[in-house]
PDB file of N, CA and C in Angstrom:
ATOM      1  N   MET A   1     -63.719 -29.646  97.393  1.00  0.00           N
ATOM      2  CA  MET A   1     -63.890 -28.301  97.512  1.00  0.00           C
ATOM      3  C   MET A   1     -64.957 -27.763  96.702  1.00  0.00           C
ATOM      4  N   VAL A   2     -65.859 -27.057  97.230  1.00  0.00           N
ATOM      5  CA  VAL A   2     -67.001 -26.485  96.490  1.00  0.00           C
ATOM      6  C   VAL A   2     -66.603 -25.016  95.985  1.00  0.00           C
ATOM      7  N   SER A   3     -67.074 -24.867  94.786  1.00  0.00           N
ATOM      8  CA  SER A   3     -66.979 -23.387  94.084  1.00  0.00           C
ATOM      9  C   SER A   3     -68.273 -22.672  94.145  1.00  0.00           C
ATOM     10  N   VAL A   4     -68.347 -21.554  94.376  1.00  0.00           N
ATOM     11  CA  VAL A   4     -69.536 -20.614  94.318  1.00  0.00           C
ATOM     12  C   VAL A   4     -69.146 -19.289  93.821  1.00  0.00           C
ATOM     13  N   PRO A   5     -70.087 -18.709  92.866  1.00  0.00           N
ATOM     14  CA  PRO A   5     -69.784 -17.381  92.415  1.00  0.00           C
ATOM     15  C   PRO A   5     -70.067 -16.470  93.761  1.00  0.00           C
ATOM     16  N   VAL A   6     -69.351 -15.349  93.777  1.00  0.00           N
ATOM     17  CA  VAL A   6     -69.467 -14.396  94.769  1.00  0.00           C
ATOM     18  C   VAL A   6     -70.939 -13.881  94.871  1.00  0.00           C
ATOM     19  N   SER A   7     -71.527 -13.603  93.726  1.00  0.00           N
ATOM     20  CA  SER A   7     -72.913 -13.022  93.905  1.00  0.00           C
ATOM     21  C   SER A   7     -73.880 -14.125  94.468  1.00  0.00           C
ATOM     22  N   ALA A   8     -73.583 -15.422  94.057  1.00  0.00           N
ATOM     23  CA  ALA A   8     -74.661 -16.517  94.745  1.00  0.00           C
ATOM     24  C   ALA A   8     -74.093 -16.575  96.140  1.00  0.00           C
ATOM     25  N   ALA A   9     -72.885 -16.468  96.530  1.00  0.00           N
ATOM     26  CA  ALA A   9     -72.462 -16.458  97.996  1.00  0.00           C
ATOM     27  C   ALA A   9     -73.179 -15.504  98.736  1.00  0.00           C
ATOM     28  N   ARG A  10     -73.141 -14.226  98.232  1.00  0.00           N
ATOM     29  CA  ARG A  10     -73.766 -13.159  98.979  1.00  0.00           C
ATOM     30  C   ARG A  10     -75.313 -13.476  99.201  1.00  0.00           C
ATOM     31  N   ASP A  11     -75.926 -14.050  98.194  1.00  0.00           N
ATOM     32  CA  ASP A  11     -77.433 -14.290  98.360  1.00  0.00           C
ATOM     33  C   ASP A  11     -77.630 -15.495  99.213  1.00  0.00           C
ATOM     34  N   GLN A  12     -76.533 -16.321  99.490  1.00  0.00           N
ATOM     35  CA  GLN A  12     -76.777 -17.633 100.157  1.00  0.00           C
ATOM     36  C   GLN A  12     -75.691 -17.723 101.305  1.00  0.00           C
ATOM     37  N   LEU A  13     -75.426 -16.646 101.987  1.00  0.00           N
ATOM     38  CA  LEU A  13     -74.300 -16.587 102.981  1.00  0.00           C
ATOM     39  C   LEU A  13     -74.561 -17.689 104.146  1.00  0.00           C
ATOM     40  N   PRO A  14     -75.749 -17.905 104.680  1.00  0.00           N
ATOM     41  CA  PRO A  14     -75.879 -18.839 105.737  1.00  0.00           C
ATOM     42  C   PRO A  14     -75.576 -20.252 105.129  1.00  0.00           C
ATOM     43  N   ALA A  15     -75.979 -20.566 103.959  1.00  0.00           N
ATOM     44  CA  ALA A  15     -75.686 -21.838 103.290  1.00  0.00           C
ATOM     45  C   ALA A  15     -74.119 -22.048 103.181  1.00  0.00           C
ATOM     46  N   VAL A  16     -73.507 -21.070 102.694  1.00  0.00           N
ATOM     47  CA  VAL A  16     -72.038 -21.060 102.499  1.00  0.00           C
ATOM     48  C   VAL A  16     -71.258 -21.138 103.727  1.00  0.00           C
ATOM     49  N   LEU A  17     -71.774 -20.447 104.733  1.00  0.00           N
ATOM     50  CA  LEU A  17     -71.098 -20.695 106.010  1.00  0.00           C
ATOM     51  C   LEU A  17     -71.333 -22.015 106.597  1.00  0.00           C
ATOM     52  N   ALA A  18     -72.407 -22.604 106.454  1.00  0.00           N
ATOM     53  CA  ALA A  18     -72.804 -24.056 106.875  1.00  0.00           C
ATOM     54  C   ALA A  18     -71.920 -24.993 106.087  1.00  0.00           C
ATOM     55  N   GLN A  19     -71.755 -24.771 104.679  1.00  0.00           N
ATOM     56  CA  GLN A  19     -71.057 -25.831 103.823  1.00  0.00           C
ATOM     57  C   GLN A  19     -69.553 -25.656 104.348  1.00  0.00           C
ATOM     58  N   SER A  20     -69.022 -24.516 104.721  1.00  0.00           N
ATOM     59  CA  SER A  20     -67.665 -24.184 105.131  1.00  0.00           C
ATOM     60  C   SER A  20     -67.219 -25.123 106.304  1.00  0.00           C
ATOM     61  N   ALA A  21     -68.338 -25.499 107.071  1.00  0.00           N
ATOM     62  CA  ALA A  21     -67.976 -26.167 108.422  1.00  0.00           C
ATOM     63  C   ALA A  21     -67.458 -27.708 107.901  1.00  0.00           C
ATOM     64  N   THR A  22     -67.658 -28.196 106.958  1.00  0.00           N
ATOM     65  CA  THR A  22     -67.402 -29.512 106.345  1.00  0.00           C
ATOM     66  C   THR A  22     -66.211 -29.447 105.366  1.00  0.00           C
ATOM     67  N   GLU A  23     -66.353 -28.423 104.494  1.00  0.00           N
ATOM     68  CA  GLU A  23     -65.224 -28.319 103.597  1.00  0.00           C
ATOM     69  C   GLU A  23     -65.063 -26.924 103.046  1.00  0.00           C
ATOM     70  N   ALA A  24     -63.958 -26.653 102.494  1.00  0.00           N
ATOM     71  CA  ALA A  24     -63.673 -25.256 102.063  1.00  0.00           C
ATOM     72  C   ALA A  24     -64.578 -24.913 100.946  1.00  0.00           C
ATOM     73  N   VAL A  25     -65.060 -23.584 101.014  1.00  0.00           N
ATOM     74  CA  VAL A  25     -65.686 -23.084  99.839  1.00  0.00           C
ATOM     75  C   VAL A  25     -65.038 -21.886  99.119  1.00  0.00           C
ATOM     76  N   THR A  26     -64.766 -22.249  97.741  1.00  0.00           N
ATOM     77  CA  THR A  26     -63.906 -21.199  97.008  1.00  0.00           C
ATOM     78  C   THR A  26     -65.056 -20.249  96.354  1.00  0.00           C
ATOM     79  N   LEU A  27     -64.690 -19.009  96.466  1.00  0.00           N
ATOM     80  CA  LEU A  27     -65.610 -18.021  96.057  1.00  0.00           C
ATOM     81  C   LEU A  27     -65.024 -17.546  94.684  1.00  0.00           C
ATOM     82  N   LEU A  28     -65.784 -17.371  93.615  1.00  0.00           N
ATOM     83  CA  LEU A  28     -65.384 -17.126  92.345  1.00  0.00           C
ATOM     84  C   LEU A  28     -66.005 -15.916  91.831  1.00  0.00           C
ATOM     85  N   ARG A  29     -65.138 -15.071  91.187  1.00  0.00           N
ATOM     86  CA  ARG A  29     -65.491 -13.778  90.397  1.00  0.00           C
ATOM     87  C   ARG A  29     -65.124 -13.860  89.010  1.00  0.00           C
ATOM     88  N   HIS A  30     -65.921 -13.839  88.003  1.00  0.00           N
ATOM     89  CA  HIS A  30     -65.585 -14.041  86.604  1.00  0.00           C
ATOM     90  C   HIS A  30     -64.833 -15.314  86.408  1.00  0.00           C
ATOM     91  N   GLY A  31     -65.243 -16.365  87.280  1.00  0.00           N
ATOM     92  CA  GLY A  31     -64.761 -17.773  87.010  1.00  0.00           C
ATOM     93  C   GLY A  31     -63.307 -18.038  87.632  1.00  0.00           C
ATOM     94  N   ARG A  32     -62.840 -16.856  88.319  1.00  0.00           N
ATOM     95  CA  ARG A  32     -61.483 -17.169  89.021  1.00  0.00           C
ATOM     96  C   ARG A  32     -61.692 -16.906  90.434  1.00  0.00           C
ATOM     97  N   PRO A  33     -60.834 -17.771  91.200  1.00  0.00           N
ATOM     98  CA  PRO A  33     -60.971 -17.760  92.720  1.00  0.00           C
ATOM     99  C   PRO A  33     -60.499 -16.455  93.212  1.00  0.00           C
ATOM    100  N   VAL A  34     -61.367 -15.830  94.146  1.00  0.00           N
ATOM    101  CA  VAL A  34     -61.012 -14.639  94.941  1.00  0.00           C
ATOM    102  C   VAL A  34     -60.869 -14.798  96.317  1.00  0.00           C
ATOM    103  N   ALA A  35     -61.490 -15.729  96.903  1.00  0.00           N
ATOM    104  CA  ALA A  35     -61.503 -16.059  98.338  1.00  0.00           C
ATOM    105  C   ALA A  35     -61.858 -17.481  98.582  1.00  0.00           C
ATOM    106  N   VAL A  36     -61.448 -17.835  99.894  1.00  0.00           N
ATOM    107  CA  VAL A  36     -61.870 -19.198 100.282  1.00  0.00           C
ATOM    108  C   VAL A  36     -62.445 -19.108 101.601  1.00  0.00           C
ATOM    109  N   VAL A  37     -63.514 -19.878 102.002  1.00  0.00           N
ATOM    110  CA  VAL A  37     -64.176 -19.582 103.162  1.00  0.00           C
ATOM    111  C   VAL A  37     -63.937 -21.039 103.953  1.00  0.00           C
ATOM    112  N   VAL A  38     -63.309 -21.082 105.067  1.00  0.00           N
ATOM    113  CA  VAL A  38     -63.280 -22.334 105.793  1.00  0.00           C
ATOM    114  C   VAL A  38     -63.646 -22.068 107.136  1.00  0.00           C
ATOM    115  N   SER A  39     -63.850 -23.163 107.979  1.00  0.00           N
ATOM    116  CA  SER A  39     -64.339 -23.194 109.432  1.00  0.00           C
ATOM    117  C   SER A  39     -63.244 -22.624 110.277  1.00  0.00           C
ATOM    118  N   PRO A  40     -63.597 -21.878 111.329  1.00  0.00           N
ATOM    119  CA  PRO A  40     -62.642 -21.437 112.313  1.00  0.00           C
ATOM    120  C   PRO A  40     -61.721 -22.505 112.725  1.00  0.00           C
ATOM    121  N   GLU A  41     -62.082 -23.800 112.893  1.00  0.00           N
ATOM    122  CA  GLU A  41     -61.273 -24.842 113.307  1.00  0.00           C
ATOM    123  C   GLU A  41     -60.223 -24.961 112.168  1.00  0.00           C
ATOM    124  N   ARG A  42     -60.553 -25.192 110.767  1.00  0.00           N
ATOM    125  CA  ARG A  42     -59.633 -25.289 109.791  1.00  0.00           C
ATOM    126  C   ARG A  42     -58.717 -24.045 109.708  1.00  0.00           C
ATOM    127  N   TYR A  43     -59.201 -22.864 109.881  1.00  0.00           N
ATOM    128  CA  TYR A  43     -58.300 -21.608 110.033  1.00  0.00           C
ATOM    129  C   TYR A  43     -57.265 -21.736 111.073  1.00  0.00           C
ATOM    130  N   ASP A  44     -57.591 -22.246 112.223  1.00  0.00           N
ATOM    131  CA  ASP A  44     -56.595 -22.309 113.294  1.00  0.00           C
ATOM    132  C   ASP A  44     -55.689 -23.359 112.941  1.00  0.00           C
ATOM    133  N   GLN A  45     -55.934 -24.589 112.060  1.00  0.00           N
ATOM    134  CA  GLN A  45     -55.086 -25.448 111.797  1.00  0.00           C
ATOM    135  C   GLN A  45     -54.012 -24.918 110.687  1.00  0.00           C
ATOM    136  N   LEU A  46     -54.608 -24.029 109.911  1.00  0.00           N
ATOM    137  CA  LEU A  46     -53.814 -23.513 108.918  1.00  0.00           C
ATOM    138  C   LEU A  46     -52.633 -22.448 109.553  1.00  0.00           C
ATOM    139  N   LEU A  47     -53.144 -21.716 110.432  1.00  0.00           N
ATOM    140  CA  LEU A  47     -52.209 -20.729 111.131  1.00  0.00           C
ATOM    141  C   LEU A  47     -51.230 -21.532 111.920  1.00  0.00           C
ATOM    142  N   ASP A  48     -51.547 -22.745 112.465  1.00  0.00           N
ATOM    143  CA  ASP A  48     -50.595 -23.612 113.304  1.00  0.00           C
ATOM    144  C   ASP A  48     -49.567 -24.208 112.300  1.00  0.00           C
ATOM    145  N   ALA A  49     -49.994 -24.674 111.151  1.00  0.00           N
ATOM    146  CA  ALA A  49     -49.091 -25.035 110.118  1.00  0.00           C
ATOM    147  C   ALA A  49     -48.277 -24.101 109.538  1.00  0.00           C
ATOM    148  N   GLU A  50     -48.605 -22.881 109.444  1.00  0.00           N
ATOM    149  CA  GLU A  50     -47.717 -21.831 109.041  1.00  0.00           C
ATOM    150  C   GLU A  50     -46.685 -21.418 110.133  1.00  0.00           C
ATOM    151  N   GLU A  51     -47.067 -21.341 111.310  1.00  0.00           N
ATOM    152  CA  GLU A  51     -46.044 -21.393 112.342  1.00  0.00           C
ATOM    153  C   GLU A  51     -44.968 -22.374 112.365  1.00  0.00           C
ATOM    154  N   GLU A  52     -45.552 -23.687 112.127  1.00  0.00           N
ATOM    155  CA  GLU A  52     -44.462 -24.779 112.121  1.00  0.00           C
ATOM    156  C   GLU A  52     -43.569 -24.531 110.832  1.00  0.00           C
ATOM    157  N   LEU A  53     -44.018 -24.118 109.882  1.00  0.00           N
ATOM    158  CA  LEU A  53     -43.279 -24.016 108.539  1.00  0.00           C
ATOM    159  C   LEU A  53     -42.263 -22.863 108.777  1.00  0.00           C
ATOM    160  N   GLU A  54     -42.565 -21.860 109.567  1.00  0.00           N
ATOM    161  CA  GLU A  54     -41.746 -20.739 109.893  1.00  0.00           C
ATOM    162  C   GLU A  54     -40.650 -21.193 110.818  1.00  0.00           C
ATOM    163  N   ASP A  55     -40.963 -22.130 111.750  1.00  0.00           N
ATOM    164  CA  ASP A  55     -39.955 -22.634 112.561  1.00  0.00           C
ATOM    165  C   ASP A  55     -38.938 -23.498 111.842  1.00  0.00           C
ATOM    166  N   VAL A  56     -39.456 -24.240 110.789  1.00  0.00           N
ATOM    167  CA  VAL A  56     -38.458 -25.042 110.031  1.00  0.00           C
ATOM    168  C   VAL A  56     -37.595 -24.288 109.269  1.00  0.00           C
ATOM    169  N   GLU A  57     -38.321 -23.172 108.728  1.00  0.00           N
ATOM    170  CA  GLU A  57     -37.548 -22.163 107.783  1.00  0.00           C
ATOM    171  C   GLU A  57     -36.332 -21.568 108.656  1.00  0.00           C
ATOM    172  N   ALA A  58     -36.818 -21.242 109.930  1.00  0.00           N
ATOM    173  CA  ALA A  58     -35.783 -20.550 110.754  1.00  0.00           C
ATOM    174  C   ALA A  58     -34.687 -21.484 111.124  1.00  0.00           C
ATOM    175  N   PHE A  59     -34.993 -22.786 111.364  1.00  0.00           N
ATOM    176  CA  PHE A  59     -34.037 -23.610 111.787  1.00  0.00           C
ATOM    177  C   PHE A  59     -33.070 -23.870 110.501  1.00  0.00           C
ATOM    178  N   ASP A  60     -33.653 -24.079 109.406  1.00  0.00           N
ATOM    179  CA  ASP A  60     -32.890 -24.317 107.956  1.00  0.00           C
ATOM    180  C   ASP A  60     -31.996 -23.074 107.879  1.00  0.00           C
ATOM    181  N   ALA A  61     -32.382 -21.831 108.102  1.00  0.00           N
ATOM    182  CA  ALA A  61     -31.562 -20.628 107.874  1.00  0.00           C
ATOM    183  C   ALA A  61     -30.495 -20.607 108.938  1.00  0.00           C
ATOM    184  N   ALA A  62     -30.713 -21.023 110.219  1.00  0.00           N
ATOM    185  CA  ALA A  62     -29.840 -21.023 111.293  1.00  0.00           C
ATOM    186  C   ALA A  62     -28.578 -22.119 110.865  1.00  0.00           C
ATOM    187  N   MET A  63     -29.185 -23.244 110.322  1.00  0.00           N
ATOM    188  CA  MET A  63     -28.152 -24.303 110.007  1.00  0.00           C
ATOM    189  C   MET A  63     -27.351 -23.871 108.699  1.00  0.00           C
ATOM    190  N   ALA A  64     -27.954 -23.177 107.937  1.00  0.00           N
ATOM    191  CA  ALA A  64     -27.140 -22.583 106.637  1.00  0.00           C
ATOM    192  C   ALA A  64     -26.095 -21.725 107.019  1.00  0.00           C
ATOM    193  N   GLU A  65     -26.453 -20.722 108.100  1.00  0.00           N
ATOM    194  CA  GLU A  65     -25.530 -19.646 108.496  1.00  0.00           C
ATOM    195  C   GLU A  65     -24.522 -20.394 109.406  1.00  0.00           C
ATOM    196  N   ALA A  66     -24.726 -21.333 110.183  1.00  0.00           N
ATOM    197  CA  ALA A  66     -23.703 -21.905 111.061  1.00  0.00           C
ATOM    198  C   ALA A  66     -22.798 -22.837 110.387  1.00  0.00           C
ATOM    199  N   GLY A  67     -23.346 -23.394 109.346  1.00  0.00           N
ATOM    200  CA  GLY A  67     -22.597 -24.486 108.621  1.00  0.00           C
ATOM    201  C   GLY A  67     -22.125 -25.699 109.347  1.00  0.00           C
ATOM    202  N   ASP A  68     -20.769 -25.815 109.118  1.00  0.00           N
ATOM    203  CA  ASP A  68     -20.169 -27.001 109.927  1.00  0.00           C
ATOM    204  C   ASP A  68     -19.952 -26.685 111.390  1.00  0.00           C
ATOM    205  N   ALA A  69     -20.267 -25.666 111.922  1.00  0.00           N
ATOM    206  CA  ALA A  69     -20.171 -25.165 113.494  1.00  0.00           C
ATOM    207  C   ALA A  69     -21.086 -25.962 114.263  1.00  0.00           C
ATOM    208  N   ILE A  70     -22.286 -26.488 113.582  1.00  0.00           N
ATOM    209  CA  ILE A  70     -23.085 -27.173 114.375  1.00  0.00           C
ATOM    210  C   ILE A  70     -23.006 -28.630 114.207  1.00  0.00           C
ATOM    211  N   ARG A  71     -22.925 -29.643 115.156  1.00  0.00           N
ATOM    212  CA  ARG A  71     -22.901 -30.905 115.069  1.00  0.00           C
ATOM    213  C   ARG A  71     -24.323 -31.490 115.577  1.00  0.00           C
ATOM    214  N   ILE A  72     -24.820 -32.557 114.902  1.00  0.00           N
ATOM    215  CA  ILE A  72     -26.127 -32.986 115.264  1.00  0.00           C
ATOM    216  C   ILE A  72     -25.840 -34.570 115.548  1.00  0.00           C
ATOM    217  N   LEU A  73     -26.255 -34.987 116.700  1.00  0.00           N
ATOM    218  CA  LEU A  73     -25.990 -36.361 117.195  1.00  0.00           C
ATOM    219  C   LEU A  73     -27.460 -36.972 117.306  1.00  0.00           C
ATOM    220  N   TYR A  74     -27.629 -38.095 116.643  1.00  0.00           N
ATOM    221  CA  TYR A  74     -28.873 -39.022 116.798  1.00  0.00           C
ATOM    222  C   TYR A  74     -28.986 -39.432 118.306  1.00  0.00           C
ATOM    223  N   GLY A  75     -29.944 -39.219 119.011  1.00  0.00           N
ATOM    224  CA  GLY A  75     -30.125 -39.637 120.412  1.00  0.00           C
ATOM    225  C   GLY A  75     -31.003 -40.738 120.545  1.00  0.00           C
ATOM    226  N   GLY A  76     -31.516 -41.464 119.576  1.00  0.00           N
ATOM    227  CA  GLY A  76     -32.583 -42.472 119.843  1.00  0.00           C
ATOM    228  C   GLY A  76     -31.781 -43.834 119.947  1.00  0.00           C
ATOM    229  N   SER A  77     -32.431 -44.915 119.773  1.00  0.00           N
ATOM    230  CA  SER A  77     -32.033 -46.272 119.913  1.00  0.00           C
ATOM    231  C   SER A  77     -31.114 -46.590 118.665  1.00  0.00           C
ATOM    232  N   VAL A  78     -29.866 -46.778 118.891  1.00  0.00           N
ATOM    233  CA  VAL A  78     -28.885 -47.127 117.755  1.00  0.00           C
ATOM    234  C   VAL A  78     -28.621 -48.553 117.901  1.00  0.00           C
ATOM    235  N   LYS A  79     -28.679 -49.311 116.908  1.00  0.00           N
ATOM    236  CA  LYS A  79     -28.373 -50.712 117.015  1.00  0.00           C
ATOM    237  C   LYS A  79     -27.614 -51.043 115.608  1.00  0.00           C
ATOM    238  N   PRO A  80     -26.974 -52.259 115.541  1.00  0.00           N
ATOM    239  CA  PRO A  80     -26.274 -52.534 114.315  1.00  0.00           C
ATOM    240  C   PRO A  80     -27.250 -52.515 113.180  1.00  0.00           C
ATOM    241  N   GLY A  81     -28.598 -52.982 113.359  1.00  0.00           N
ATOM    242  CA  GLY A  81     -29.572 -53.127 112.225  1.00  0.00           C
ATOM    243  C   GLY A  81     -30.028 -51.763 111.658  1.00  0.00           C
ATOM    244  N   ASN A  82     -29.996 -50.735 112.533  1.00  0.00           N
ATOM    245  CA  ASN A  82     -30.474 -49.355 112.100  1.00  0.00           C
ATOM    246  C   ASN A  82     -29.287 -48.240 112.020  1.00  0.00           C
ATOM    247  N   ALA A  83     -28.085 -48.637 112.264  1.00  0.00           N
ATOM    248  CA  ALA A  83     -27.031 -47.540 112.196  1.00  0.00           C
ATOM    249  C   ALA A  83     -26.932 -46.960 110.899  1.00  0.00           C
ATOM    250  N   ALA A  84     -26.897 -47.876 109.885  1.00  0.00           N
ATOM    251  CA  ALA A  84     -26.575 -47.413 108.390  1.00  0.00           C
ATOM    252  C   ALA A  84     -27.729 -46.405 108.020  1.00  0.00           C
ATOM    253  N   GLU A  85     -28.960 -46.630 108.357  1.00  0.00           N
ATOM    254  CA  GLU A  85     -30.141 -45.595 108.044  1.00  0.00           C
ATOM    255  C   GLU A  85     -29.962 -44.370 108.887  1.00  0.00           C
ATOM    256  N   ILE A  86     -29.621 -44.400 110.071  1.00  0.00           N
ATOM    257  CA  ILE A  86     -29.258 -43.266 110.816  1.00  0.00           C
ATOM    258  C   ILE A  86     -28.163 -42.489 110.254  1.00  0.00           C
ATOM    259  N   PHE A  87     -26.904 -43.099 109.957  1.00  0.00           N
ATOM    260  CA  PHE A  87     -25.912 -42.295 109.464  1.00  0.00           C
ATOM    261  C   PHE A  87     -26.120 -41.841 108.096  1.00  0.00           C
ATOM    262  N   ALA A  88     -27.121 -42.252 107.366  1.00  0.00           N
ATOM    263  CA  ALA A  88     -27.285 -41.894 106.026  1.00  0.00           C
ATOM    264  C   ALA A  88     -27.877 -40.512 105.978  1.00  0.00           C
ATOM    265  N   VAL A  89     -28.554 -40.095 107.021  1.00  0.00           N
ATOM    266  CA  VAL A  89     -29.294 -38.786 107.153  1.00  0.00           C
ATOM    267  C   VAL A  89     -28.219 -37.717 106.987  1.00  0.00           C
ATOM    268  N   SER A  90     -28.535 -36.690 106.077  1.00  0.00           N
ATOM    269  CA  SER A  90     -27.490 -35.895 105.618  1.00  0.00           C
ATOM    270  C   SER A  90     -26.936 -34.989 106.843  1.00  0.00           C
ATOM    271  N   ASN A  91     -27.882 -34.723 107.742  1.00  0.00           N
ATOM    272  CA  ASN A  91     -27.449 -33.584 108.888  1.00  0.00           C
ATOM    273  C   ASN A  91     -27.034 -34.311 110.033  1.00  0.00           C
ATOM    274  N   VAL A  92     -27.071 -35.687 110.074  1.00  0.00           N
ATOM    275  CA  VAL A  92     -26.726 -36.399 111.414  1.00  0.00           C
ATOM    276  C   VAL A  92     -25.121 -36.736 111.147  1.00  0.00           C
ATOM    277  N   ASP A  93     -24.495 -36.080 112.374  1.00  0.00           N
ATOM    278  CA  ASP A  93     -22.966 -36.284 112.281  1.00  0.00           C
ATOM    279  C   ASP A  93     -22.556 -37.373 113.188  1.00  0.00           C
ATOM    280  N   GLY A  94     -23.340 -37.982 114.037  1.00  0.00           N
ATOM    281  CA  GLY A  94     -23.020 -39.168 114.869  1.00  0.00           C
ATOM    282  C   GLY A  94     -24.160 -39.492 115.625  1.00  0.00           C
ATOM    283  N   ALA A  95     -23.906 -40.357 116.874  1.00  0.00           N
ATOM    284  CA  ALA A  95     -25.034 -40.904 117.521  1.00  0.00           C
ATOM    285  C   ALA A  95     -24.723 -40.925 118.935  1.00  0.00           C
ATOM    286  N   LEU A  96     -25.545 -40.824 119.795  1.00  0.00           N
ATOM    287  CA  LEU A  96     -25.170 -41.111 121.348  1.00  0.00           C
ATOM    288  C   LEU A  96     -25.616 -42.556 121.456  1.00  0.00           C
ATOM    289  N   VAL A  97     -24.793 -43.442 121.690  1.00  0.00           N
ATOM    290  CA  VAL A  97     -25.114 -45.005 121.680  1.00  0.00           C
ATOM    291  C   VAL A  97     -25.267 -45.176 123.259  1.00  0.00           C
ATOM    292  N   GLY A  98     -26.261 -45.812 123.387  1.00  0.00           N
ATOM    293  CA  GLY A  98     -26.590 -46.287 124.871  1.00  0.00           C
ATOM    294  C   GLY A  98     -26.204 -47.784 125.238  1.00  0.00           C
ATOM    295  N   GLY A  99     -27.191 -48.583 125.361  1.00  0.00           N
ATOM    296  CA  GLY A  99     -26.892 -49.959 125.876  1.00  0.00           C
ATOM    297  C   GLY A  99     -25.996 -50.693 124.837  1.00  0.00           C
ATOM    298  N   ALA A 100     -26.084 -50.522 123.566  1.00  0.00           N
ATOM    299  CA  ALA A 100     -25.288 -51.088 122.561  1.00  0.00           C
ATOM    300  C   ALA A 100     -23.876 -50.960 122.790  1.00  0.00           C
ATOM    301  N   SER A 101     -23.547 -49.852 123.434  1.00  0.00           N
ATOM    302  CA  SER A 101     -22.072 -49.463 123.622  1.00  0.00           C
ATOM    303  C   SER A 101     -21.516 -50.510 124.594  1.00  0.00           C
ATOM    304  N   LEU A 102     -22.474 -51.119 125.390  1.00  0.00           N
ATOM    305  CA  LEU A 102     -21.829 -52.066 126.457  1.00  0.00           C
ATOM    306  C   LEU A 102     -21.738 -53.421 125.872  1.00  0.00           C
ATOM    307  N   LYS A 103     -22.116 -53.736 124.826  1.00  0.00           N
ATOM    308  CA  LYS A 103     -21.970 -54.987 124.011  1.00  0.00           C
ATOM    309  C   LYS A 103     -21.012 -54.916 122.774  1.00  0.00           C
ATOM    310  N   PRO A 104     -19.793 -55.544 123.025  1.00  0.00           N
ATOM    311  CA  PRO A 104     -18.893 -55.344 121.993  1.00  0.00           C
ATOM    312  C   PRO A 104     -19.441 -55.912 120.547  1.00  0.00           C
ATOM    313  N   GLU A 105     -20.207 -57.022 120.585  1.00  0.00           N
ATOM    314  CA  GLU A 105     -20.884 -57.523 119.372  1.00  0.00           C
ATOM    315  C   GLU A 105     -21.756 -56.621 118.725  1.00  0.00           C
ATOM    316  N   ASP A 106     -22.497 -55.720 119.396  1.00  0.00           N
ATOM    317  CA  ASP A 106     -23.155 -54.587 118.792  1.00  0.00           C
ATOM    318  C   ASP A 106     -22.450 -53.322 118.513  1.00  0.00           C
ATOM    319  N   PHE A 107     -21.618 -53.010 119.491  1.00  0.00           N
ATOM    320  CA  PHE A 107     -20.857 -51.673 119.362  1.00  0.00           C
ATOM    321  C   PHE A 107     -20.020 -51.649 118.114  1.00  0.00           C
ATOM    322  N   GLY A 108     -19.190 -52.778 118.000  1.00  0.00           N
ATOM    323  CA  GLY A 108     -18.274 -52.767 116.882  1.00  0.00           C
ATOM    324  C   GLY A 108     -18.911 -52.617 115.545  1.00  0.00           C
ATOM    325  N   PRO A 109     -19.887 -53.233 115.194  1.00  0.00           N
ATOM    326  CA  PRO A 109     -20.628 -53.103 113.869  1.00  0.00           C
ATOM    327  C   PRO A 109     -21.114 -51.717 113.776  1.00  0.00           C
ATOM    328  N   ILE A 110     -21.622 -50.981 114.862  1.00  0.00           N
ATOM    329  CA  ILE A 110     -22.080 -49.774 114.786  1.00  0.00           C
ATOM    330  C   ILE A 110     -21.002 -48.601 114.344  1.00  0.00           C
ATOM    331  N   ILE A 111     -19.796 -48.960 115.103  1.00  0.00           N
ATOM    332  CA  ILE A 111     -18.500 -48.188 114.790  1.00  0.00           C
ATOM    333  C   ILE A 111     -18.152 -48.423 113.308  1.00  0.00           C
ATOM    334  N   ASP A 112     -18.224 -49.646 112.763  1.00  0.00           N
ATOM    335  CA  ASP A 112     -17.905 -50.041 111.535  1.00  0.00           C
ATOM    336  C   ASP A 112     -18.764 -49.216 110.489  1.00  0.00           C
ATOM    337  N   THR A 113     -20.089 -49.278 110.752  1.00  0.00           N
ATOM    338  CA  THR A 113     -21.003 -48.583 109.889  1.00  0.00           C
ATOM    339  C   THR A 113     -20.791 -47.029 109.881  1.00  0.00           C
ATOM    340  N   LEU A 114     -20.538 -46.475 111.001  1.00  0.00           N
ATOM    341  CA  LEU A 114     -20.221 -44.954 111.048  1.00  0.00           C
ATOM    342  C   LEU A 114     -18.884 -44.682 110.186  1.00  0.00           C
ATOM    343  N   GLU A 115     -17.880 -45.450 110.278  1.00  0.00           N
ATOM    344  CA  GLU A 115     -16.760 -45.318 109.534  1.00  0.00           C
ATOM    345  C   GLU A 115     -16.961 -45.348 108.013  1.00  0.00           C
ATOM    346  N   ALA A 116     -17.713 -46.436 107.619  1.00  0.00           N
ATOM    347  CA  ALA A 116     -18.051 -46.593 106.276  1.00  0.00           C
ATOM    348  C   ALA A 116     -18.951 -45.441 105.638  1.00  0.00           C
ATOM    349  N   SER A 117     -19.722 -44.991 106.496  1.00  0.00           N
ATOM    350  CA  SER A 117     -20.748 -43.761 106.095  1.00  0.00           C
ATOM    351  C   SER A 117     -19.919 -42.489 105.850  1.00  0.00           C
ATOM    352  N   ALA A 118     -18.801 -42.387 106.680  1.00  0.00           N
ATOM    353  CA  ALA A 118     -17.968 -41.163 106.599  1.00  0.00           C
ATOM    354  C   ALA A 118     -17.103 -41.124 105.509  1.00  0.00           C
ATOM    355  N   GLY A 119     -16.710 -42.364 105.039  1.00  0.00           N
ATOM    356  CA  GLY A 119     -15.727 -42.164 103.884  1.00  0.00           C
ATOM    357  C   GLY A 119     -16.318 -42.524 102.638  1.00  0.00           C
TER     358      GLY A 119
END
């Protein structure tokens, strides 16, 4: 990141804007940051990231409010080899087991892993 005094930025605005196309430019007044100039693309990325964070915060708040009333089931591929990792995730309460449920040699160890993680 490049830092430029506000007075210099004022005198060299086209150069500051050109520089902001490739990296953020911090504007300084009395040696302290007062603004950052970024490209429109980077600004859009920052807005998108802010929206995603708001979504995550809203989800976390809803989960905290609902408490134990919400159950989360993992819906990916569950196998004996990855069941412990899946059931170790704090918010995962169970799993939707597909093809492995048709094979006793796979399903039994998955159930055993679930029971071991619950206790």
